Protein backbone atom coordinates (compact mmCIF):
# COMPACT_ATOMS: atom_id res chain seq x y z
CA MET A 1 20.35 103.79 3.51
CA SER A 2 17.76 105.46 1.34
CA LEU A 3 14.06 105.04 1.95
CA LYS A 4 13.72 103.23 -1.38
CA SER A 5 16.23 100.58 -0.50
CA ILE A 6 14.61 99.95 2.90
CA ILE A 7 11.21 99.44 1.30
CA GLN A 8 12.78 97.15 -1.33
CA SER A 9 14.16 94.85 1.37
CA TYR A 10 10.63 94.23 2.75
CA LYS A 11 9.14 93.55 -0.68
CA TYR A 12 6.68 90.60 -0.79
CA THR A 13 7.81 87.69 -3.00
CA GLU A 14 5.45 84.94 -3.94
CA ASP A 15 8.28 82.52 -4.66
CA GLU A 16 9.60 82.62 -1.11
CA ASP A 17 6.14 81.87 0.34
CA ILE A 18 5.80 78.91 -1.96
CA LYS A 19 9.14 77.56 -0.83
CA VAL A 20 8.21 77.94 2.83
CA GLU A 21 4.83 76.32 2.26
CA GLN A 22 6.47 73.45 0.43
CA LEU A 23 8.83 72.86 3.34
CA LYS A 24 5.92 72.80 5.79
CA THR A 25 3.76 70.37 3.81
CA THR A 26 6.43 67.98 2.53
CA LYS A 27 5.98 64.66 4.33
CA VAL A 28 9.04 62.64 5.13
CA THR A 29 8.44 58.93 4.49
CA SER A 30 10.64 56.12 5.76
CA PRO A 31 11.80 53.51 3.25
CA LYS A 32 9.58 50.44 2.92
CA LYS A 33 10.72 47.38 4.82
CA ILE A 34 11.53 44.46 2.56
CA LYS A 35 10.09 41.20 3.78
CA LYS A 36 12.59 38.41 4.00
CA THR A 37 11.41 35.29 2.25
CA THR A 38 12.71 31.93 3.36
CA LYS A 39 13.24 29.29 0.73
CA ASP A 40 11.64 25.91 1.23
CA VAL A 41 14.63 23.70 1.97
CA SER A 42 12.63 20.55 2.63
CA PRO A 43 13.81 17.67 0.42
CA LYS A 44 11.65 17.01 -2.61
CA LYS A 45 10.03 13.61 -2.82
CA LYS A 46 11.31 11.46 -5.62
CA VAL A 47 8.66 10.98 -8.27
CA ILE A 48 8.32 7.31 -9.18
CA ASN A 49 7.08 6.28 -12.59
CA TYR A 50 5.07 3.19 -11.69
CA THR A 51 4.65 2.28 -15.35
CA GLN A 52 8.39 1.73 -15.79
CA LEU A 53 9.30 -0.43 -12.79
CA GLN A 54 12.19 -2.79 -13.45
CA ASP A 55 11.46 -6.51 -13.14
CA LEU A 56 13.16 -8.46 -10.37
CA GLN A 57 14.88 -11.62 -11.56
CA PRO A 58 14.80 -14.89 -9.58
CA SER A 59 17.80 -16.28 -7.74
CA LEU A 60 18.24 -19.93 -8.74
CA LYS A 61 20.85 -22.67 -9.04
CA PRO A 62 20.84 -26.49 -9.19
CA ASP A 63 20.11 -28.52 -6.05
CA LEU A 64 18.46 -25.76 -4.05
CA LYS A 65 17.56 -26.80 -0.53
CA LEU A 66 15.02 -24.02 -0.05
CA LEU A 67 13.13 -21.87 -2.57
CA PHE A 68 10.80 -19.03 -1.57
CA ILE A 69 8.10 -18.07 -4.08
CA GLY A 70 6.20 -14.80 -3.67
CA PHE A 71 3.34 -13.24 -5.62
CA ASN A 72 5.26 -10.54 -7.47
CA PRO A 73 7.83 -7.91 -6.51
CA GLY A 74 6.57 -4.57 -5.22
CA VAL A 75 7.85 -1.03 -5.80
CA GLU A 76 10.60 -1.15 -3.18
CA SER A 77 11.87 -4.48 -4.48
CA SER A 78 11.96 -3.06 -7.99
CA LEU A 79 13.86 0.07 -6.93
CA THR A 80 16.39 -1.80 -4.77
CA GLN A 81 16.46 -5.00 -6.87
CA HIS A 82 16.10 -7.15 -3.75
CA HIS A 83 13.36 -9.51 -2.58
CA TYR A 84 11.02 -8.52 0.26
CA ALA A 85 12.73 -5.12 0.49
CA HIS A 86 9.97 -2.98 2.02
CA HIS A 87 10.68 -2.03 5.63
CA SER A 88 7.22 -3.20 6.78
CA ASN A 89 7.58 -6.67 5.23
CA LEU A 90 8.02 -9.37 7.88
CA PHE A 91 9.83 -11.86 5.66
CA TRP A 92 13.36 -11.30 6.97
CA LYS A 93 12.24 -11.11 10.57
CA LEU A 94 10.54 -14.51 10.20
CA PHE A 95 13.50 -15.91 8.25
CA ASN A 96 15.96 -14.92 10.98
CA GLN A 97 13.87 -15.89 14.00
CA SER A 98 13.03 -19.29 12.53
CA GLN A 99 16.77 -20.04 12.14
CA ALA A 100 16.21 -21.11 8.52
CA LEU A 101 19.79 -20.34 7.45
CA SER A 102 21.27 -22.33 10.33
CA LYS A 103 19.10 -25.35 9.48
CA VAL A 104 19.89 -25.28 5.76
CA THR A 105 23.64 -25.07 6.46
CA ASN A 106 23.53 -27.71 9.24
CA GLY A 107 24.45 -25.11 11.85
CA GLU A 108 27.55 -23.93 10.02
CA PHE A 109 26.20 -20.43 9.36
CA SER A 110 23.85 -18.32 11.44
CA PHE A 111 23.84 -14.56 10.92
CA LYS A 112 21.21 -11.87 10.55
CA CYS A 113 19.98 -11.57 6.98
CA THR A 114 18.32 -8.62 5.25
CA SER A 115 16.97 -8.05 1.76
CA GLU A 116 20.41 -6.86 0.61
CA LEU A 117 21.70 -10.41 1.09
CA ASP A 118 19.00 -12.22 -0.89
CA PHE A 119 21.22 -13.01 -3.88
CA GLU A 120 24.13 -13.90 -1.56
CA LEU A 121 22.05 -16.67 0.03
CA ILE A 122 22.28 -18.67 -3.19
CA LYS A 123 25.72 -19.74 -1.89
CA TYR A 124 23.88 -21.57 0.88
CA SER A 125 21.34 -23.18 -1.51
CA ILE A 126 18.54 -20.71 -0.68
CA GLY A 127 16.79 -19.17 -3.67
CA PHE A 128 13.99 -16.75 -4.54
CA SER A 129 11.38 -16.45 -7.26
CA ASP A 130 7.87 -15.10 -7.81
CA LEU A 131 4.70 -16.18 -9.54
CA CYS A 132 5.07 -13.09 -11.74
CA LEU A 133 8.42 -11.36 -12.15
CA ARG A 134 6.80 -8.09 -13.23
CA CYS A 135 6.89 -5.43 -10.53
CA THR A 136 3.70 -3.52 -9.73
CA LYS A 137 2.51 -1.13 -7.04
CA GLN A 138 -0.43 -3.43 -6.22
CA ALA A 139 -0.79 -7.17 -6.87
CA HIS A 140 -4.24 -6.67 -8.41
CA GLU A 141 -2.57 -4.89 -11.34
CA LEU A 142 -1.62 -8.35 -12.63
CA THR A 143 -4.23 -10.01 -14.83
CA ASN A 144 -5.52 -13.53 -14.19
CA ASP A 145 -4.15 -14.65 -17.56
CA GLU A 146 -0.72 -13.29 -16.66
CA LYS A 147 -0.74 -15.19 -13.36
CA LEU A 148 -1.87 -18.48 -14.91
CA GLU A 149 0.65 -18.23 -17.74
CA ASN A 150 3.49 -18.05 -15.21
CA VAL A 151 2.61 -21.24 -13.32
CA PRO A 152 4.42 -23.54 -15.81
CA ARG A 153 7.53 -21.39 -15.40
CA LEU A 154 7.47 -22.07 -11.66
CA TYR A 155 7.19 -25.81 -12.25
CA THR A 156 10.19 -25.64 -14.58
CA GLU A 157 12.26 -23.64 -12.09
CA ILE A 158 11.52 -26.15 -9.32
CA LYS A 159 12.14 -29.29 -11.37
CA ASP A 160 15.18 -28.09 -13.35
CA ASN A 161 16.92 -26.95 -10.18
CA ASN A 162 15.98 -30.07 -8.22
CA VAL A 163 14.54 -28.00 -5.37
CA LYS A 164 14.07 -29.93 -2.13
CA ASN A 165 11.72 -27.55 -0.30
CA VAL A 166 9.43 -24.89 -1.75
CA VAL A 167 7.81 -22.24 0.44
CA ILE A 168 4.95 -20.36 -1.21
CA ILE A 169 4.47 -16.96 0.41
CA GLY A 170 0.81 -15.95 0.18
CA LYS A 171 -2.39 -17.91 -0.30
CA GLY A 172 -3.06 -15.97 -3.51
CA VAL A 173 -0.09 -17.68 -5.18
CA TRP A 174 -1.35 -21.10 -4.10
CA GLU A 175 -4.85 -20.33 -5.37
CA MET A 176 -3.48 -19.57 -8.84
CA ILE A 177 -1.49 -22.82 -8.93
CA VAL A 178 -4.57 -24.77 -7.84
CA LYS A 179 -6.66 -22.97 -10.46
CA TYR A 180 -4.11 -23.83 -13.15
CA GLU A 181 -4.29 -27.53 -12.21
CA MET A 182 -8.07 -27.42 -12.02
CA LEU A 183 -8.35 -25.99 -15.54
CA ASN A 184 -5.89 -28.55 -16.89
CA MET A 185 -8.05 -31.29 -15.40
CA GLY A 186 -11.12 -29.83 -17.11
CA LYS A 187 -12.75 -28.83 -13.84
CA LYS A 188 -14.53 -25.52 -13.67
CA LYS A 189 -15.62 -25.40 -10.07
CA PHE A 190 -13.31 -25.89 -7.13
CA LYS A 191 -12.67 -23.63 -4.18
CA LEU A 192 -10.20 -23.71 -1.35
CA SER A 193 -12.00 -23.64 1.97
CA LYS A 194 -11.40 -24.25 5.67
CA ASP A 195 -12.49 -27.84 5.06
CA ASN A 196 -9.67 -28.65 2.63
CA PHE A 197 -6.97 -25.99 3.04
CA VAL A 198 -4.47 -25.75 5.89
CA TRP A 199 -1.37 -23.59 6.29
CA GLY A 200 1.99 -25.30 6.29
CA GLU A 201 3.07 -28.42 4.43
CA VAL A 202 0.82 -29.40 1.53
CA LYS A 203 -0.58 -32.88 2.10
CA THR A 204 -3.55 -34.88 0.88
CA GLY A 205 -6.57 -35.08 3.15
CA ALA A 206 -10.27 -35.92 3.11
CA ASP A 207 -11.19 -33.92 -0.01
CA LYS A 208 -10.70 -36.34 -2.93
CA GLU A 209 -10.88 -33.63 -5.58
CA TYR A 210 -8.26 -31.54 -3.80
CA ASN A 211 -6.11 -34.65 -3.34
CA LEU A 212 -6.10 -35.20 -7.10
CA ILE A 213 -4.99 -31.61 -7.69
CA ILE A 214 -2.17 -31.98 -5.15
CA GLU A 215 -1.00 -35.27 -6.66
CA ASN A 216 -0.92 -33.78 -10.17
CA MET A 217 1.05 -30.88 -8.79
CA TYR A 218 3.67 -33.03 -7.08
CA ASP A 219 4.11 -35.03 -10.29
CA LYS A 220 5.43 -31.86 -11.96
CA LEU A 221 8.01 -31.16 -9.25
CA SER A 222 11.42 -32.62 -8.50
CA GLN A 223 11.36 -35.99 -6.77
CA GLY A 224 11.05 -35.76 -2.99
CA CYS A 225 10.18 -32.06 -3.08
CA LYS A 226 8.11 -30.70 -0.19
CA LEU A 227 5.63 -27.85 -0.60
CA PHE A 228 4.69 -25.37 2.12
CA VAL A 229 2.11 -22.57 1.93
CA PHE A 230 2.49 -19.62 4.30
CA PRO A 231 0.50 -16.40 4.80
CA SER A 232 1.80 -13.31 3.04
CA THR A 233 4.58 -11.51 4.91
CA SER A 234 3.46 -8.11 3.61
CA GLY A 235 2.84 -5.46 6.24
CA LEU A 236 -0.49 -4.77 4.55
CA VAL A 237 -1.76 -8.28 5.34
CA ALA A 238 -2.67 -8.90 8.97
CA SER A 239 -4.85 -12.01 8.74
CA MET A 240 -2.56 -13.85 11.19
CA ASN A 241 -0.48 -12.50 14.07
CA PHE A 242 3.30 -12.67 14.04
CA GLN A 243 3.68 -15.48 16.59
CA ASP A 244 1.36 -17.78 14.64
CA LYS A 245 3.27 -17.03 11.44
CA LEU A 246 6.55 -17.74 13.21
CA LYS A 247 5.21 -21.08 14.44
CA LEU A 248 4.54 -22.11 10.81
CA TRP A 249 8.07 -21.11 9.83
CA GLN A 250 9.59 -23.00 12.73
CA ASP A 251 7.60 -26.12 11.84
CA MET A 252 8.88 -25.85 8.27
CA VAL A 253 12.48 -25.48 9.45
CA ASP A 254 12.09 -28.61 11.59
CA LYS A 255 10.94 -30.60 8.54
CA ILE A 256 13.60 -29.62 6.03
């Protein structure tokens, strides 16, 4: 090999140094880890439009032996189209434990009833209605005028169907009926109090003014009809314990 070729083989090249330097300084990076995202699989709550609740119609027929009258249907009753449908409402528990169905049918039928059977009970002469048929989330959404305007409808339902026993569920319903009678009599001031009001069967007592209201009321009902006023069965109302409420129901069952 000639001296020239030997020298040529050791010739400095800038490009080779750059390549070596690039290999030394190039940083190897691992691929980024992708975070796994879990989808929210929890069921979405159904959005209820409280302004478009469907009314709940009464369950009536001639010669009813027992008619329950509530204030007005709530949200659950509107959605299911059954009376006293909310799971916290004590109505059906009181109805079953008081043996109301057995008494009305003279012992022929006695089975556990739920809200789904409300319209079926008409076969046994047990009906349902409300002061106001319009469903609301809260009872206070009803106006006083709306409540008073519905009282005559109740009288008509009771008289036209020759109802023998009427159970008013909730003192608020009774107060509106009393107020309606008071206004018709031209009286502006009258208040239910512990001195004149008692739970259970509606009877005249020591209060002459209250007696007159009661007598006017009975005149609008079917002959021989009995009226009972019970505390609300709503789970939101706890003014009386369950056993005391049940005692009222049992007393009513004994009298019908």
